[in-house]
N, C-alpha and C. Protein backbone atom coordinates (compact mmCIF):
# COMPACT_ATOMS: atom_id res chain seq x y z
N UNK A 1 98.72 160.46 135.77
CA UNK A 1 99.65 159.58 135.08
C UNK A 1 99.77 158.23 135.81
N UNK A 2 99.94 158.28 137.12
CA UNK A 2 100.10 157.05 137.90
C UNK A 2 98.82 156.21 137.85
N UNK A 3 97.67 156.88 137.93
CA UNK A 3 96.40 156.16 137.87
C UNK A 3 96.25 155.45 136.53
N UNK A 4 96.61 156.13 135.45
CA UNK A 4 96.52 155.54 134.12
C UNK A 4 97.44 154.33 133.99
N UNK A 5 98.64 154.44 134.54
CA UNK A 5 99.58 153.31 134.50
C UNK A 5 99.04 152.13 135.31
N UNK A 6 98.43 152.42 136.45
CA UNK A 6 97.87 151.36 137.29
C UNK A 6 96.72 150.67 136.58
N UNK A 7 95.84 151.47 135.96
CA UNK A 7 94.70 150.91 135.22
C UNK A 7 95.20 150.09 134.04
N UNK A 8 96.18 150.62 133.32
CA UNK A 8 96.74 149.90 132.17
C UNK A 8 97.36 148.57 132.59
N UNK A 9 98.13 148.60 133.68
CA UNK A 9 98.76 147.36 134.17
C UNK A 9 97.69 146.36 134.60
N UNK A 10 96.64 146.85 135.26
CA UNK A 10 95.55 145.98 135.67
C UNK A 10 94.86 145.35 134.47
N UNK A 11 94.68 146.14 133.41
CA UNK A 11 94.06 145.61 132.19
C UNK A 11 94.94 144.55 131.54
N UNK A 12 96.24 144.81 131.51
CA UNK A 12 97.17 143.83 130.94
C UNK A 12 97.17 142.54 131.75
N UNK A 13 97.18 142.67 133.07
CA UNK A 13 97.15 141.49 133.94
C UNK A 13 95.86 140.70 133.73
N UNK A 14 94.74 141.41 133.65
CA UNK A 14 93.45 140.75 133.45
C UNK A 14 93.42 140.05 132.09
N UNK A 15 93.98 140.68 131.08
CA UNK A 15 94.03 140.09 129.75
C UNK A 15 94.88 138.81 129.75
N UNK A 16 96.01 138.85 130.43
CA UNK A 16 96.86 137.65 130.52
C UNK A 16 96.14 136.53 131.26
N UNK A 17 95.47 136.89 132.36
CA UNK A 17 94.72 135.89 133.12
C UNK A 17 93.63 135.26 132.27
N UNK A 18 92.94 136.09 131.50
CA UNK A 18 91.87 135.60 130.64
C UNK A 18 92.42 134.68 129.55
N UNK A 19 93.57 135.04 128.99
CA UNK A 19 94.20 134.19 127.97
C UNK A 19 94.57 132.83 128.57
N UNK A 20 95.06 132.83 129.80
CA UNK A 20 95.40 131.57 130.48
C UNK A 20 94.15 130.72 130.68
N UNK A 21 93.07 131.36 131.09
CA UNK A 21 91.80 130.63 131.30
C UNK A 21 91.31 130.02 129.99
N UNK A 22 91.36 130.80 128.90
CA UNK A 22 90.94 130.28 127.60
C UNK A 22 91.81 129.10 127.17
N UNK A 23 93.11 129.19 127.42
CA UNK A 23 94.02 128.09 127.07
C UNK A 23 93.67 126.84 127.88
N UNK A 24 93.35 127.03 129.15
CA UNK A 24 92.96 125.90 130.00
C UNK A 24 91.67 125.27 129.50
N UNK A 25 90.70 126.10 129.15
CA UNK A 25 89.42 125.60 128.64
C UNK A 25 89.64 124.84 127.34
N UNK A 26 90.46 125.38 126.46
CA UNK A 26 90.73 124.72 125.18
C UNK A 26 91.39 123.36 125.40
N UNK A 27 92.33 123.29 126.34
CA UNK A 27 93.00 122.02 126.64
C UNK A 27 92.00 121.00 127.18
N UNK A 28 91.14 121.43 128.09
CA UNK A 28 90.13 120.53 128.66
C UNK A 28 89.16 120.07 127.57
N UNK A 29 88.82 120.97 126.66
CA UNK A 29 87.92 120.61 125.56
C UNK A 29 88.56 119.53 124.68
N UNK A 30 89.85 119.67 124.41
CA UNK A 30 90.55 118.67 123.62
C UNK A 30 90.60 117.33 124.35
N UNK A 31 90.84 117.38 125.65
CA UNK A 31 90.85 116.13 126.43
C UNK A 31 89.48 115.46 126.42
N UNK A 32 88.43 116.26 126.53
CA UNK A 32 87.07 115.72 126.48
C UNK A 32 86.78 115.12 125.10
N UNK A 33 87.23 115.79 124.05
CA UNK A 33 87.03 115.27 122.69
C UNK A 33 87.71 113.91 122.55
N UNK A 34 88.93 113.80 123.07
CA UNK A 34 89.63 112.52 123.02
C UNK A 34 88.87 111.46 123.81
N UNK A 35 88.38 111.85 124.98
CA UNK A 35 87.69 110.90 125.86
C UNK A 35 86.42 110.35 125.19
N UNK A 36 85.69 111.21 124.49
CA UNK A 36 84.45 110.75 123.85
C UNK A 36 84.66 110.38 122.38
N UNK A 37 85.94 110.24 121.99
CA UNK A 37 86.32 109.79 120.64
C UNK A 37 85.74 110.70 119.55
N UNK A 38 85.90 111.98 119.73
CA UNK A 38 85.45 112.96 118.73
C UNK A 38 86.67 113.65 118.12
N UNK A 39 86.47 114.19 116.92
CA UNK A 39 87.52 114.95 116.25
C UNK A 39 87.73 116.28 117.00
N UNK A 40 88.94 116.52 117.45
CA UNK A 40 89.23 117.74 118.22
C UNK A 40 88.86 119.01 117.46
N UNK A 41 89.07 119.01 116.15
CA UNK A 41 88.84 120.22 115.35
C UNK A 41 87.35 120.51 115.15
N UNK A 42 86.53 119.47 115.15
CA UNK A 42 85.11 119.66 114.92
C UNK A 42 84.29 119.57 116.20
N UNK A 43 84.94 119.32 117.30
CA UNK A 43 84.27 119.13 118.58
C UNK A 43 83.75 120.47 119.10
N UNK A 44 82.47 120.50 119.41
CA UNK A 44 81.84 121.73 119.89
C UNK A 44 81.29 121.50 121.29
N UNK A 45 81.70 122.34 122.22
CA UNK A 45 81.17 122.23 123.58
C UNK A 45 79.67 122.48 123.58
N UNK A 46 79.21 123.34 122.72
CA UNK A 46 77.78 123.62 122.63
C UNK A 46 77.01 122.34 122.28
N UNK A 47 77.53 121.57 121.33
CA UNK A 47 76.88 120.31 120.97
C UNK A 47 76.87 119.33 122.14
N UNK A 48 77.99 119.26 122.85
CA UNK A 48 78.07 118.36 124.00
C UNK A 48 77.05 118.75 125.06
N UNK A 49 76.97 120.04 125.37
CA UNK A 49 76.03 120.49 126.39
C UNK A 49 74.58 120.28 125.94
N UNK A 50 74.31 120.48 124.66
CA UNK A 50 72.96 120.22 124.15
C UNK A 50 72.61 118.74 124.25
N UNK A 51 73.57 117.88 123.93
CA UNK A 51 73.34 116.44 124.02
C UNK A 51 73.10 116.03 125.47
N UNK A 52 73.90 116.57 126.39
CA UNK A 52 73.73 116.25 127.81
C UNK A 52 72.38 116.75 128.32
N UNK A 53 71.97 117.92 127.87
CA UNK A 53 70.68 118.49 128.28
C UNK A 53 69.54 117.61 127.78
N UNK A 54 69.62 117.20 126.53
CA UNK A 54 68.58 116.34 125.96
C UNK A 54 68.53 115.01 126.69
N UNK A 55 69.70 114.42 126.95
CA UNK A 55 69.76 113.16 127.68
C UNK A 55 69.12 113.31 129.05
N UNK A 56 69.45 114.38 129.76
CA UNK A 56 68.90 114.61 131.09
C UNK A 56 67.37 114.73 131.03
N UNK A 57 66.89 115.50 130.07
CA UNK A 57 65.43 115.68 129.94
C UNK A 57 64.74 114.35 129.67
N UNK A 58 65.32 113.57 128.75
CA UNK A 58 64.71 112.26 128.43
C UNK A 58 64.81 111.30 129.61
N UNK A 59 65.92 111.34 130.32
CA UNK A 59 66.11 110.47 131.48
C UNK A 59 65.08 110.80 132.57
N UNK A 60 64.91 112.09 132.84
CA UNK A 60 63.92 112.50 133.85
C UNK A 60 62.50 112.14 133.42
N UNK A 61 62.23 112.27 132.14
CA UNK A 61 60.92 111.91 131.60
C UNK A 61 60.70 110.40 131.77
N UNK A 62 61.74 109.61 131.52
CA UNK A 62 61.63 108.15 131.67
C UNK A 62 61.38 107.76 133.13
N UNK A 63 61.98 108.50 134.04
CA UNK A 63 61.77 108.21 135.46
C UNK A 63 60.33 108.47 135.90
N UNK A 64 59.70 109.44 135.26
CA UNK A 64 58.30 109.74 135.60
C UNK A 64 57.41 108.64 135.11
């Protein structure tokens, strides 16, 4: 019984921590959207990372 309560409490704590992390990430994403003048609702981190990756590849290619 005690072990189950400990595991359950640990799971709840981990879930709360994860929710806090997701909230922090979402806030940072919104700040980044504002910074790059994008619509917060349509702003995709995946698109940003793909754009940065493409820029980096082209930049390195230009340096060669």
